[in-house]
Each structure stands twice: as structure tokens, then as C-alpha cells.
């Protein structure tokens, strides 16, 4: 059970890091906004220390995303996971549509034409 928790913790840290980078926010700035140390941000992003719920809420507020997106690893009703969303978030609308269409095509191929 702890291994799965560690893997989830690593994934949460990666998601936070990707979203932070997409929004061009440094670890120092995010730490300042969230009133925590830069070291704490580094530990969260590396997956070595879990964020408390209060810290997770502050991080999500700073990144402009609801907490449930981090917890469920999805972006609302979108077919995208948070890591996928983080990748396309900085693109213009045409590029985003192209990326989503490519992901859907790959998904169809993986599922044998079924979606």
C-alpha cells in the first residue's frame, strides 16, 4: 500500500511542477505566494514530502486550478488528464485542438477503433 501512495505522491508532485512551469512561475515565487518555503515546494514536486491539505489548497489556488483536479488527476469534464492539460495549456487554441485530436486518434488506435 505504501508503494502506491509513494507513486501517487510522485505523480502529484510532477503534476504540480508541470502546471507551475506552464504558468512560468518559479519555485521561489510559488513558495512566496503559498507562504511556505521553497524547500517545501521542492520536496512536494520531487515527491519526497506530501503536501498537507491546506498547502495543497494554497498551491492549487496559486496555479488557478481546483484541488479536485490534482486529487482525481483529471481536468473537469475534459478528456484530458492533468499532465496532458499542463502540456497544452500554454498553446494557442488551434494548437490545443490539434493536440486533443491527436490524443483522441491515438486513444482510438489503442482501443482498436473503439472510443
PDB file of N, CA and C in Angstrom:
ATOM      1  N   UNK A   1       0.820  -1.208   0.000  1.00  0.00           N
ATOM      2  CA  UNK A   1       0.000   0.000   0.000  1.00  0.00           C
ATOM      3  C   UNK A   1       0.853   1.256   0.000  1.00  0.00           C
ATOM      4  N   UNK A   2       1.958   1.267   0.734  1.00  0.00           N
ATOM      5  CA  UNK A   2       2.814   2.443   0.761  1.00  0.00           C
ATOM      6  C   UNK A   2       3.444   2.713  -0.591  1.00  0.00           C
ATOM      7  N   UNK A   3       3.744   1.688  -1.363  1.00  0.00           N
ATOM      8  CA  UNK A   3       4.343   1.889  -2.683  1.00  0.00           C
ATOM      9  C   UNK A   3       3.388   2.667  -3.568  1.00  0.00           C
ATOM     10  N   UNK A   4       2.105   2.291  -3.565  1.00  0.00           N
ATOM     11  CA  UNK A   4       1.132   3.030  -4.355  1.00  0.00           C
ATOM     12  C   UNK A   4       1.017   4.474  -3.896  1.00  0.00           C
ATOM     13  N   UNK A   5       1.071   4.682  -2.579  1.00  0.00           N
ATOM     14  CA  UNK A   5       0.998   6.036  -2.055  1.00  0.00           C
ATOM     15  C   UNK A   5       2.195   6.839  -2.538  1.00  0.00           C
ATOM     16  N   UNK A   6       3.368   6.233  -2.505  1.00  0.00           N
ATOM     17  CA  UNK A   6       4.570   6.917  -2.965  1.00  0.00           C
ATOM     18  C   UNK A   6       4.456   7.264  -4.444  1.00  0.00           C
ATOM     19  N   UNK A   7       3.951   6.322  -5.241  1.00  0.00           N
ATOM     20  CA  UNK A   7       3.792   6.582  -6.670  1.00  0.00           C
ATOM     21  C   UNK A   7       2.786   7.713  -6.900  1.00  0.00           C
ATOM     22  N   UNK A   8       1.691   7.729  -6.159  1.00  0.00           N
ATOM     23  CA  UNK A   8       0.711   8.800  -6.282  1.00  0.00           C
ATOM     24  C   UNK A   8       1.326  10.135  -5.878  1.00  0.00           C
ATOM     25  N   UNK A   9       2.126  10.105  -4.830  1.00  0.00           N
ATOM     26  CA  UNK A   9       2.792  11.307  -4.357  1.00  0.00           C
ATOM     27  C   UNK A   9       3.743  11.838  -5.411  1.00  0.00           C
ATOM     28  N   UNK A  10       4.493  10.953  -6.047  1.00  0.00           N
ATOM     29  CA  UNK A  10       5.394  11.364  -7.131  1.00  0.00           C
ATOM     30  C   UNK A  10       4.598  11.995  -8.267  1.00  0.00           C
ATOM     31  N   UNK A  11       3.481  11.366  -8.627  1.00  0.00           N
ATOM     32  CA  UNK A  11       2.660  11.876  -9.725  1.00  0.00           C
ATOM     33  C   UNK A  11       2.082  13.244  -9.374  1.00  0.00           C
ATOM     34  N   UNK A  12       1.628  13.419  -8.157  1.00  0.00           N
ATOM     35  CA  UNK A  12       1.096  14.703  -7.723  1.00  0.00           C
ATOM     36  C   UNK A  12       2.170  15.778  -7.829  1.00  0.00           C
ATOM     37  N   UNK A  13       3.376  15.453  -7.402  1.00  0.00           N
ATOM     38  CA  UNK A  13       4.485  16.397  -7.497  1.00  0.00           C
ATOM     39  C   UNK A  13       4.798  16.766  -8.933  1.00  0.00           C
ATOM     40  N   UNK A  14       4.761  15.779  -9.822  1.00  0.00           N
ATOM     41  CA  UNK A  14       5.009  16.045 -11.247  1.00  0.00           C
ATOM     42  C   UNK A  14       3.929  16.934 -11.841  1.00  0.00           C
ATOM     43  N   UNK A  15       2.694  16.687 -11.467  1.00  0.00           N
ATOM     44  CA  UNK A  15       1.582  17.499 -11.966  1.00  0.00           C
ATOM     45  C   UNK A  15       1.755  18.948 -11.522  1.00  0.00           C
ATOM     46  N   UNK A  16       2.043  19.139 -10.242  1.00  0.00           N
ATOM     47  CA  UNK A  16       2.238  20.491  -9.714  1.00  0.00           C
ATOM     48  C   UNK A  16       3.403  21.170 -10.435  1.00  0.00           C
ATOM     49  N   UNK A  17       4.488  20.445 -10.608  1.00  0.00           N
ATOM     50  CA  UNK A  17       5.660  21.010 -11.278  1.00  0.00           C
ATOM     51  C   UNK A  17       5.330  21.413 -12.720  1.00  0.00           C
ATOM     52  N   UNK A  18       4.657  20.527 -13.453  1.00  0.00           N
ATOM     53  CA  UNK A  18       4.295  20.820 -14.842  1.00  0.00           C
ATOM     54  C   UNK A  18       3.379  22.039 -14.940  1.00  0.00           C
ATOM     55  N   UNK A  19       2.381  22.097 -14.070  1.00  0.00           N
ATOM     56  CA  UNK A  19       1.467  23.240 -14.090  1.00  0.00           C
ATOM     57  C   UNK A  19       2.203  24.535 -13.731  1.00  0.00           C
ATOM     58  N   UNK A  20       3.086  24.451 -12.741  1.00  0.00           N
ATOM     59  CA  UNK A  20       3.858  25.631 -12.339  1.00  0.00           C
ATOM     60  C   UNK A  20       4.715  26.132 -13.490  1.00  0.00           C
ATOM     61  N   UNK A  21       5.395  25.214 -14.159  1.00  0.00           N
ATOM     62  CA  UNK A  21       6.256  25.595 -15.278  1.00  0.00           C
ATOM     63  C   UNK A  21       5.443  26.147 -16.438  1.00  0.00           C
ATOM     64  N   UNK A  22       4.299  25.545 -16.706  1.00  0.00           N
ATOM     65  CA  UNK A  22       3.436  26.014 -17.786  1.00  0.00           C
ATOM     66  C   UNK A  22       3.006  27.458 -17.554  1.00  0.00           C
ATOM     67  N   UNK A  23       2.796  27.788 -16.298  1.00  0.00           N
ATOM     68  CA  UNK A  23       2.366  29.144 -15.953  1.00  0.00           C
ATOM     69  C   UNK A  23       3.557  30.073 -15.705  1.00  0.00           C
ATOM     70  N   UNK A  24       4.770  29.575 -15.956  1.00  0.00           N
ATOM     71  CA  UNK A  24       6.002  30.367 -15.829  1.00  0.00           C
ATOM     72  C   UNK A  24       6.166  30.967 -14.433  1.00  0.00           C
ATOM     73  N   UNK A  25       5.923  30.128 -13.431  1.00  0.00           N
ATOM     74  CA  UNK A  25       6.092  30.534 -12.035  1.00  0.00           C
ATOM     75  C   UNK A  25       7.281  29.758 -11.472  1.00  0.00           C
ATOM     76  N   UNK A  26       8.219  30.447 -10.876  1.00  0.00           N
ATOM     77  CA  UNK A  26       9.373  29.777 -10.276  1.00  0.00           C
ATOM     78  C   UNK A  26       8.956  29.107  -8.971  1.00  0.00           C
ATOM     79  N   UNK A  27       9.779  28.181  -8.501  1.00  0.00           N
ATOM     80  CA  UNK A  27       9.503  27.546  -7.219  1.00  0.00           C
ATOM     81  C   UNK A  27       9.509  28.592  -6.110  1.00  0.00           C
ATOM     82  N   UNK A  28      10.442  29.534  -6.199  1.00  0.00           N
ATOM     83  CA  UNK A  28      10.538  30.589  -5.182  1.00  0.00           C
ATOM     84  C   UNK A  28       9.268  31.435  -5.147  1.00  0.00           C
ATOM     85  N   UNK A  29       8.759  31.793  -6.320  1.00  0.00           N
ATOM     86  CA  UNK A  29       7.539  32.612  -6.392  1.00  0.00           C
ATOM     87  C   UNK A  29       6.339  31.843  -5.866  1.00  0.00           C
ATOM     88  N   UNK A  30       6.214  30.566  -6.254  1.00  0.00           N
ATOM     89  CA  UNK A  30       5.097  29.751  -5.771  1.00  0.00           C
ATOM     90  C   UNK A  30       5.169  29.625  -4.253  1.00  0.00           C
ATOM     91  N   UNK A  31       6.356  29.416  -3.734  1.00  0.00           N
ATOM     92  CA  UNK A  31       6.533  29.315  -2.282  1.00  0.00           C
ATOM     93  C   UNK A  31       6.105  30.613  -1.599  1.00  0.00           C
ATOM     94  N   UNK A  32       6.488  31.721  -2.187  1.00  0.00           N
ATOM     95  CA  UNK A  32       6.120  33.032  -1.628  1.00  0.00           C
ATOM     96  C   UNK A  32       4.606  33.224  -1.632  1.00  0.00           C
ATOM     97  N   UNK A  33       3.975  32.910  -2.754  1.00  0.00           N
ATOM     98  CA  UNK A  33       2.513  33.052  -2.873  1.00  0.00           C
ATOM     99  C   UNK A  33       1.799  32.174  -1.848  1.00  0.00           C
ATOM    100  N   UNK A  34       2.341  30.976  -1.630  1.00  0.00           N
ATOM    101  CA  UNK A  34       1.698  29.998  -0.744  1.00  0.00           C
ATOM    102  C   UNK A  34       2.136  30.125   0.719  1.00  0.00           C
ATOM    103  N   UNK A  35       3.039  31.055   1.000  1.00  0.00           N
ATOM    104  CA  UNK A  35       3.563  31.271   2.357  1.00  0.00           C
ATOM    105  C   UNK A  35       4.204  30.017   2.941  1.00  0.00           C
ATOM    106  N   UNK A  36       4.993  29.332   2.093  1.00  0.00           N
ATOM    107  CA  UNK A  36       5.772  28.180   2.549  1.00  0.00           C
ATOM    108  C   UNK A  36       7.196  28.345   2.016  1.00  0.00           C
ATOM    109  N   UNK A  37       8.087  27.484   2.447  1.00  0.00           N
ATOM    110  CA  UNK A  37       9.472  27.611   1.997  1.00  0.00           C
ATOM    111  C   UNK A  37       9.657  27.029   0.591  1.00  0.00           C
ATOM    112  N   UNK A  38      10.668  27.527  -0.084  1.00  0.00           N
ATOM    113  CA  UNK A  38      11.000  26.992  -1.407  1.00  0.00           C
ATOM    114  C   UNK A  38      11.393  25.521  -1.295  1.00  0.00           C
ATOM    115  N   UNK A  39      12.062  25.176  -0.207  1.00  0.00           N
ATOM    116  CA  UNK A  39      12.428  23.775   0.031  1.00  0.00           C
ATOM    117  C   UNK A  39      11.218  22.869   0.115  1.00  0.00           C
ATOM    118  N   UNK A  40      10.148  23.379   0.712  1.00  0.00           N
ATOM    119  CA  UNK A  40       8.913  22.592   0.811  1.00  0.00           C
ATOM    120  C   UNK A  40       8.340  22.345  -0.584  1.00  0.00           C
ATOM    121  N   UNK A  41       8.350  23.369  -1.438  1.00  0.00           N
ATOM    122  CA  UNK A  41       7.885  23.203  -2.821  1.00  0.00           C
ATOM    123  C   UNK A  41       8.738  22.153  -3.524  1.00  0.00           C
ATOM    124  N   UNK A  42      10.056  22.234  -3.353  1.00  0.00           N
ATOM    125  CA  UNK A  42      10.963  21.256  -3.981  1.00  0.00           C
ATOM    126  C   UNK A  42      10.641  19.850  -3.515  1.00  0.00           C
ATOM    127  N   UNK A  43      10.397  19.685  -2.219  1.00  0.00           N
ATOM    128  CA  UNK A  43      10.067  18.363  -1.681  1.00  0.00           C
ATOM    129  C   UNK A  43       8.743  17.837  -2.218  1.00  0.00           C
ATOM    130  N   UNK A  44       7.769  18.722  -2.357  1.00  0.00           N
ATOM    131  CA  UNK A  44       6.466  18.312  -2.902  1.00  0.00           C
ATOM    132  C   UNK A  44       6.624  17.894  -4.357  1.00  0.00           C
ATOM    133  N   UNK A  45       7.330  18.705  -5.135  1.00  0.00           N
ATOM    134  CA  UNK A  45       7.484  18.409  -6.563  1.00  0.00           C
ATOM    135  C   UNK A  45       8.309  17.152  -6.810  1.00  0.00           C
ATOM    136  N   UNK A  46       9.249  16.868  -5.933  1.00  0.00           N
ATOM    137  CA  UNK A  46      10.064  15.659  -6.104  1.00  0.00           C
ATOM    138  C   UNK A  46       9.337  14.422  -5.597  1.00  0.00           C
ATOM    139  N   UNK A  47       8.266  14.632  -4.844  1.00  0.00           N
ATOM    140  CA  UNK A  47       7.508  13.503  -4.305  1.00  0.00           C
ATOM    141  C   UNK A  47       8.058  12.977  -3.001  1.00  0.00           C
ATOM    142  N   UNK A  48       8.998  13.701  -2.405  1.00  0.00           N
ATOM    143  CA  UNK A  48       9.591  13.209  -1.160  1.00  0.00           C
ATOM    144  C   UNK A  48       8.812  13.625   0.084  1.00  0.00           C
ATOM    145  N   UNK A  49       7.911  14.584  -0.050  1.00  0.00           N
ATOM    146  CA  UNK A  49       7.105  15.020   1.089  1.00  0.00           C
ATOM    147  C   UNK A  49       5.708  15.380   0.609  1.00  0.00           C
ATOM    148  N   UNK A  50       4.682  14.819   1.242  1.00  0.00           N
ATOM    149  CA  UNK A  50       3.316  15.132   0.805  1.00  0.00           C
ATOM    150  C   UNK A  50       2.907  16.519   1.266  1.00  0.00           C
ATOM    151  N   UNK A  51       2.147  17.221   0.439  1.00  0.00           N
ATOM    152  CA  UNK A  51       1.614  18.491   0.912  1.00  0.00           C
ATOM    153  C   UNK A  51       0.418  18.229   1.826  1.00  0.00           C
ATOM    154  N   UNK A  52       0.310  18.997   2.886  1.00  0.00           N
ATOM    155  CA  UNK A  52      -0.894  18.924   3.697  1.00  0.00           C
ATOM    156  C   UNK A  52      -2.044  19.493   2.886  1.00  0.00           C
ATOM    157  N   UNK A  53      -3.256  19.229   3.311  1.00  0.00           N
ATOM    158  CA  UNK A  53      -4.418  19.710   2.571  1.00  0.00           C
ATOM    159  C   UNK A  53      -4.410  21.226   2.457  1.00  0.00           C
ATOM    160  N   UNK A  54      -4.037  21.922   3.544  1.00  0.00           N
ATOM    161  CA  UNK A  54      -4.012  23.384   3.491  1.00  0.00           C
ATOM    162  C   UNK A  54      -2.994  23.888   2.478  1.00  0.00           C
ATOM    163  N   UNK A  55      -1.835  23.236   2.404  1.00  0.00           N
ATOM    164  CA  UNK A  55      -0.799  23.627   1.439  1.00  0.00           C
ATOM    165  C   UNK A  55      -1.254  23.289   0.025  1.00  0.00           C
ATOM    166  N   UNK A  56      -1.869  22.136  -0.153  1.00  0.00           N
ATOM    167  CA  UNK A  56      -2.363  21.745  -1.472  1.00  0.00           C
ATOM    168  C   UNK A  56      -3.393  22.754  -1.980  1.00  0.00           C
ATOM    169  N   UNK A  57      -4.270  23.202  -1.099  1.00  0.00           N
ATOM    170  CA  UNK A  57      -5.274  24.203  -1.476  1.00  0.00           C
ATOM    171  C   UNK A  57      -4.581  25.499  -1.889  1.00  0.00           C
ATOM    172  N   UNK A  58      -3.575  25.926  -1.129  1.00  0.00           N
ATOM    173  CA  UNK A  58      -2.860  27.167  -1.475  1.00  0.00           C
ATOM    174  C   UNK A  58      -2.146  27.040  -2.815  1.00  0.00           C
ATOM    175  N   UNK A  59      -1.537  25.875  -3.056  1.00  0.00           N
ATOM    176  CA  UNK A  59      -0.839  25.651  -4.327  1.00  0.00           C
ATOM    177  C   UNK A  59      -1.833  25.679  -5.486  1.00  0.00           C
ATOM    178  N   UNK A  60      -2.941  24.984  -5.322  1.00  0.00           N
ATOM    179  CA  UNK A  60      -3.957  24.961  -6.387  1.00  0.00           C
ATOM    180  C   UNK A  60      -4.514  26.352  -6.644  1.00  0.00           C
ATOM    181  N   UNK A  61      -4.754  27.110  -5.587  1.00  0.00           N
ATOM    182  CA  UNK A  61      -5.234  28.488  -5.765  1.00  0.00           C
ATOM    183  C   UNK A  61      -4.206  29.319  -6.523  1.00  0.00           C
ATOM    184  N   UNK A  62      -2.941  29.160  -6.173  1.00  0.00           N
ATOM    185  CA  UNK A  62      -1.874  29.916  -6.837  1.00  0.00           C
ATOM    186  C   UNK A  62      -1.762  29.534  -8.313  1.00  0.00           C
ATOM    187  N   UNK A  63      -2.021  28.259  -8.624  1.00  0.00           N
ATOM    188  CA  UNK A  63      -1.919  27.784 -10.005  1.00  0.00           C
ATOM    189  C   UNK A  63      -3.241  27.946 -10.769  1.00  0.00           C
ATOM    190  N   UNK A  64      -4.282  28.362 -10.061  1.00  0.00           N
ATOM    191  CA  UNK A  64      -5.568  28.607 -10.714  1.00  0.00           C
ATOM    192  C   UNK A  64      -6.322  27.354 -11.100  1.00  0.00           C
ATOM    193  N   UNK A  65      -6.187  26.301 -10.301  1.00  0.00           N
ATOM    194  CA  UNK A  65      -6.913  25.059 -10.577  1.00  0.00           C
ATOM    195  C   UNK A  65      -7.612  24.568  -9.313  1.00  0.00           C
ATOM    196  N   UNK A  66      -8.768  23.921  -9.444  1.00  0.00           N
ATOM    197  CA  UNK A  66      -9.441  23.346  -8.279  1.00  0.00           C
ATOM    198  C   UNK A  66      -8.646  22.166  -7.709  1.00  0.00           C
ATOM    199  N   UNK A  67      -8.715  21.993  -6.410  1.00  0.00           N
ATOM    200  CA  UNK A  67      -7.998  20.910  -5.727  1.00  0.00           C
ATOM    201  C   UNK A  67      -8.397  19.546  -6.284  1.00  0.00           C
ATOM    202  N   UNK A  68      -9.673  19.371  -6.627  1.00  0.00           N
ATOM    203  CA  UNK A  68     -10.118  18.048  -7.094  1.00  0.00           C
ATOM    204  C   UNK A  68      -9.412  17.628  -8.377  1.00  0.00           C
ATOM    205  N   UNK A  69      -8.917  18.577  -9.141  1.00  0.00           N
ATOM    206  CA  UNK A  69      -8.194  18.222 -10.358  1.00  0.00           C
ATOM    207  C   UNK A  69      -6.895  17.503 -10.014  1.00  0.00           C
ATOM    208  N   UNK A  70      -6.228  17.956  -8.967  1.00  0.00           N
ATOM    209  CA  UNK A  70      -4.991  17.302  -8.531  1.00  0.00           C
ATOM    210  C   UNK A  70      -5.320  15.928  -7.940  1.00  0.00           C
ATOM    211  N   UNK A  71      -6.351  15.866  -7.125  1.00  0.00           N
ATOM    212  CA  UNK A  71      -6.706  14.625  -6.451  1.00  0.00           C
ATOM    213  C   UNK A  71      -7.175  13.559  -7.437  1.00  0.00           C
ATOM    214  N   UNK A  72      -7.986  13.957  -8.423  1.00  0.00           N
ATOM    215  CA  UNK A  72      -8.524  12.985  -9.370  1.00  0.00           C
ATOM    216  C   UNK A  72      -7.669  12.827 -10.623  1.00  0.00           C
ATOM    217  N   UNK A  73      -6.681  13.716 -10.790  1.00  0.00           N
ATOM    218  CA  UNK A  73      -5.796  13.690 -11.958  1.00  0.00           C
ATOM    219  C   UNK A  73      -6.562  13.875 -13.261  1.00  0.00           C
ATOM    220  N   UNK A  74      -7.648  14.651 -13.203  1.00  0.00           N
ATOM    221  CA  UNK A  74      -8.402  14.961 -14.411  1.00  0.00           C
ATOM    222  C   UNK A  74      -8.711  16.446 -14.429  1.00  0.00           C
ATOM    223  N   UNK A  75      -9.044  16.950 -15.583  1.00  0.00           N
ATOM    224  CA  UNK A  75      -9.371  18.362 -15.706  1.00  0.00           C
ATOM    225  C   UNK A  75     -10.847  18.501 -16.025  1.00  0.00           C
ATOM    226  N   UNK A  76     -11.671  18.492 -14.980  1.00  0.00           N
ATOM    227  CA  UNK A  76     -13.116  18.668 -15.129  1.00  0.00           C
ATOM    228  C   UNK A  76     -13.734  17.644 -16.048  1.00  0.00           C
ATOM    229  N   UNK A  77     -14.583  18.095 -16.940  1.00  0.00           N
ATOM    230  CA  UNK A  77     -15.260  17.208 -17.884  1.00  0.00           C
ATOM    231  C   UNK A  77     -14.410  16.922 -19.111  1.00  0.00           C
ATOM    232  N   UNK A  78     -13.218  17.478 -19.156  1.00  0.00           N
ATOM    233  CA  UNK A  78     -12.329  17.301 -20.300  1.00  0.00           C
ATOM    234  C   UNK A  78     -11.833  15.863 -20.370  1.00  0.00           C
ATOM    235  N   UNK A  79     -11.570  15.356 -21.584  1.00  0.00           N
ATOM    236  CA  UNK A  79     -10.999  14.014 -21.710  1.00  0.00           C
ATOM    237  C   UNK A  79      -9.517  13.981 -21.368  1.00  0.00           C
ATOM    238  N   UNK A  80      -8.953  15.127 -20.983  1.00  0.00           N
ATOM    239  CA  UNK A  80      -7.521  15.219 -20.702  1.00  0.00           C
ATOM    240  C   UNK A  80      -7.218  14.943 -19.238  1.00  0.00           C
ATOM    241  N   UNK A  81      -6.079  14.314 -18.993  1.00  0.00           N
ATOM    242  CA  UNK A  81      -5.570  14.213 -17.636  1.00  0.00           C
ATOM    243  C   UNK A  81      -4.836  15.515 -17.346  1.00  0.00           C
ATOM    244  N   UNK A  82      -4.537  15.763 -16.087  1.00  0.00           N
ATOM    245  CA  UNK A  82      -3.820  16.990 -15.745  1.00  0.00           C
ATOM    246  C   UNK A  82      -2.466  17.104 -16.425  1.00  0.00           C
ATOM    247  N   UNK A  83      -1.660  16.023 -16.483  1.00  0.00           N
ATOM    248  CA  UNK A  83      -0.384  16.176 -17.194  1.00  0.00           C
ATOM    249  C   UNK A  83      -0.578  16.557 -18.660  1.00  0.00           C
ATOM    250  N   UNK A  84      -1.597  15.990 -19.299  1.00  0.00           N
ATOM    251  CA  UNK A  84      -1.875  16.355 -20.691  1.00  0.00           C
ATOM    252  C   UNK A  84      -2.315  17.807 -20.774  1.00  0.00           C
ATOM    253  N   UNK A  85      -3.163  18.219 -19.836  1.00  0.00           N
ATOM    254  CA  UNK A  85      -3.617  19.595 -19.828  1.00  0.00           C
ATOM    255  C   UNK A  85      -2.447  20.551 -19.627  1.00  0.00           C
ATOM    256  N   UNK A  86      -1.534  20.194 -18.729  1.00  0.00           N
ATOM    257  CA  UNK A  86      -0.379  21.047 -18.456  1.00  0.00           C
ATOM    258  C   UNK A  86       0.459  21.249 -19.714  1.00  0.00           C
ATOM    259  N   UNK A  87       0.541  20.229 -20.537  1.00  0.00           N
ATOM    260  CA  UNK A  87       1.334  20.323 -21.766  1.00  0.00           C
ATOM    261  C   UNK A  87       0.686  21.293 -22.750  1.00  0.00           C
ATOM    262  N   UNK A  88      -0.610  21.214 -22.904  1.00  0.00           N
ATOM    263  CA  UNK A  88      -1.258  22.035 -23.939  1.00  0.00           C
ATOM    264  C   UNK A  88      -1.744  23.390 -23.430  1.00  0.00           C
ATOM    265  N   UNK A  89      -1.695  23.623 -22.132  1.00  0.00           N
ATOM    266  CA  UNK A  89      -2.231  24.848 -21.552  1.00  0.00           C
ATOM    267  C   UNK A  89      -1.606  26.108 -22.144  1.00  0.00           C
ATOM    268  N   UNK A  90      -0.326  26.078 -22.468  1.00  0.00           N
ATOM    269  CA  UNK A  90       0.349  27.255 -22.989  1.00  0.00           C
ATOM    270  C   UNK A  90       0.208  27.453 -24.491  1.00  0.00           C
ATOM    271  N   UNK A  91      -0.468  26.544 -25.163  1.00  0.00           N
ATOM    272  CA  UNK A  91      -0.621  26.636 -26.617  1.00  0.00           C
ATOM    273  C   UNK A  91      -1.818  27.510 -26.988  1.00  0.00           C
ATOM    274  N   UNK A  92      -1.815  27.996 -28.228  1.00  0.00           N
ATOM    275  CA  UNK A  92      -2.989  28.747 -28.670  1.00  0.00           C
ATOM    276  C   UNK A  92      -4.126  27.759 -28.962  1.00  0.00           C
ATOM    277  N   UNK A  93      -5.314  28.273 -29.197  1.00  0.00           N
ATOM    278  CA  UNK A  93      -6.499  27.427 -29.344  1.00  0.00           C
ATOM    279  C   UNK A  93      -6.384  26.424 -30.489  1.00  0.00           C
ATOM    280  N   UNK A  94      -5.847  26.833 -31.616  1.00  0.00           N
ATOM    281  CA  UNK A  94      -5.690  25.940 -32.767  1.00  0.00           C
ATOM    282  C   UNK A  94      -4.747  24.790 -32.426  1.00  0.00           C
ATOM    283  N   UNK A  95      -3.643  25.105 -31.760  1.00  0.00           N
ATOM    284  CA  UNK A  95      -2.692  24.072 -31.366  1.00  0.00           C
ATOM    285  C   UNK A  95      -3.319  23.122 -30.346  1.00  0.00           C
ATOM    286  N   UNK A  96      -4.100  23.669 -29.405  1.00  0.00           N
ATOM    287  CA  UNK A  96      -4.763  22.826 -28.409  1.00  0.00           C
ATOM    288  C   UNK A  96      -5.721  21.841 -29.073  1.00  0.00           C
ATOM    289  N   UNK A  97      -6.507  22.322 -30.026  1.00  0.00           N
ATOM    290  CA  UNK A  97      -7.458  21.455 -30.728  1.00  0.00           C
ATOM    291  C   UNK A  97      -6.704  20.349 -31.463  1.00  0.00           C
ATOM    292  N   UNK A  98      -5.608  20.706 -32.128  1.00  0.00           N
ATOM    293  CA  UNK A  98      -4.803  19.708 -32.840  1.00  0.00           C
ATOM    294  C   UNK A  98      -4.273  18.647 -31.891  1.00  0.00           C
ATOM    295  N   UNK A  99      -3.780  19.069 -30.734  1.00  0.00           N
ATOM    296  CA  UNK A  99      -3.248  18.117 -29.757  1.00  0.00           C
ATOM    297  C   UNK A  99      -4.334  17.177 -29.239  1.00  0.00           C
ATOM    298  N   UNK A 100      -5.497  17.728 -28.922  1.00  0.00           N
ATOM    299  CA  UNK A 100      -6.602  16.903 -28.429  1.00  0.00           C
ATOM    300  C   UNK A 100      -7.043  15.911 -29.494  1.00  0.00           C
ATOM    301  N   UNK A 101      -7.121  16.351 -30.742  1.00  0.00           N
ATOM    302  CA  UNK A 101      -7.493  15.442 -31.831  1.00  0.00           C
ATOM    303  C   UNK A 101      -6.461  14.323 -31.981  1.00  0.00           C
ATOM    304  N   UNK A 102      -5.181  14.654 -31.867  1.00  0.00           N
ATOM    305  CA  UNK A 102      -4.135  13.621 -31.946  1.00  0.00           C
ATOM    306  C   UNK A 102      -4.273  12.628 -30.805  1.00  0.00           C
ATOM    307  N   UNK A 103      -4.524  13.125 -29.584  1.00  0.00           N
ATOM    308  CA  UNK A 103      -4.691  12.234 -28.436  1.00  0.00           C
ATOM    309  C   UNK A 103      -5.880  11.301 -28.642  1.00  0.00           C
ATOM    310  N   UNK A 104      -6.972  11.836 -29.156  1.00  0.00           N
ATOM    311  CA  UNK A 104      -8.157  11.016 -29.418  1.00  0.00           C
ATOM    312  C   UNK A 104      -7.867   9.965 -30.492  1.00  0.00           C
ATOM    313  N   UNK A 105      -7.102  10.324 -31.512  1.00  0.00           N
ATOM    314  CA  UNK A 105      -6.728   9.368 -32.563  1.00  0.00           C
ATOM    315  C   UNK A 105      -5.887   8.240 -31.980  1.00  0.00           C
ATOM    316  N   UNK A 106      -4.909   8.605 -31.145  1.00  0.00           N
ATOM    317  CA  UNK A 106      -4.066   7.580 -30.515  1.00  0.00           C
ATOM    318  C   UNK A 106      -4.895   6.688 -29.599  1.00  0.00           C
ATOM    319  N   UNK A 107      -5.846   7.286 -28.888  1.00  0.00           N
ATOM    320  CA  UNK A 107      -6.696   6.514 -27.988  1.00  0.00           C
ATOM    321  C   UNK A 107      -7.523   5.510 -28.786  1.00  0.00           C
ATOM    322  N   UNK A 108      -8.080   5.940 -29.925  1.00  0.00           N
ATOM    323  CA  UNK A 108      -8.879   5.055 -30.784  1.00  0.00           C
ATOM    324  C   UNK A 108      -8.025   3.884 -31.294  1.00  0.00           C
ATOM    325  N   UNK A 109      -6.808   4.182 -31.724  1.00  0.00           N
ATOM    326  CA  UNK A 109      -5.928   3.133 -32.219  1.00  0.00           C
ATOM    327  C   UNK A 109      -5.600   2.148 -31.117  1.00  0.00           C
ATOM    328  N   UNK A 110      -5.346   2.658 -29.914  1.00  0.00           N
ATOM    329  CA  UNK A 110      -5.015   1.800 -28.777  1.00  0.00           C
ATOM    330  C   UNK A 110      -6.196   0.901 -28.411  1.00  0.00           C
ATOM    331  N   UNK A 111      -7.405   1.420 -28.557  1.00  0.00           N
ATOM    332  CA  UNK A 111      -8.604   0.659 -28.200  1.00  0.00           C
ATOM    333  C   UNK A 111      -9.182  -0.103 -29.386  1.00  0.00           C
ATOM    334  N   UNK A 112      -8.434  -0.193 -30.466  1.00  0.00           N
ATOM    335  CA  UNK A 112      -8.890  -0.942 -31.638  1.00  0.00           C
ATOM    336  C   UNK A 112     -10.041  -0.275 -32.347  1.00  0.00           C
ATOM    337  N   UNK A 113     -10.033   1.038 -32.427  1.00  0.00           N
ATOM    338  CA  UNK A 113     -11.083   1.764 -33.128  1.00  0.00           C
ATOM    339  C   UNK A 113     -12.273   2.096 -32.270  1.00  0.00           C
ATOM    340  N   UNK A 114     -12.288   1.601 -31.014  1.00  0.00           N
ATOM    341  CA  UNK A 114     -13.402   1.894 -30.111  1.00  0.00           C
ATOM    342  C   UNK A 114     -12.988   3.025 -29.180  1.00  0.00           C
ATOM    343  N   UNK A 115     -13.918   3.932 -28.968  1.00  0.00           N
ATOM    344  CA  UNK A 115     -13.637   5.036 -28.051  1.00  0.00           C
ATOM    345  C   UNK A 115     -14.591   5.041 -26.900  1.00  0.00           C
TER     346      UNK A 115
END
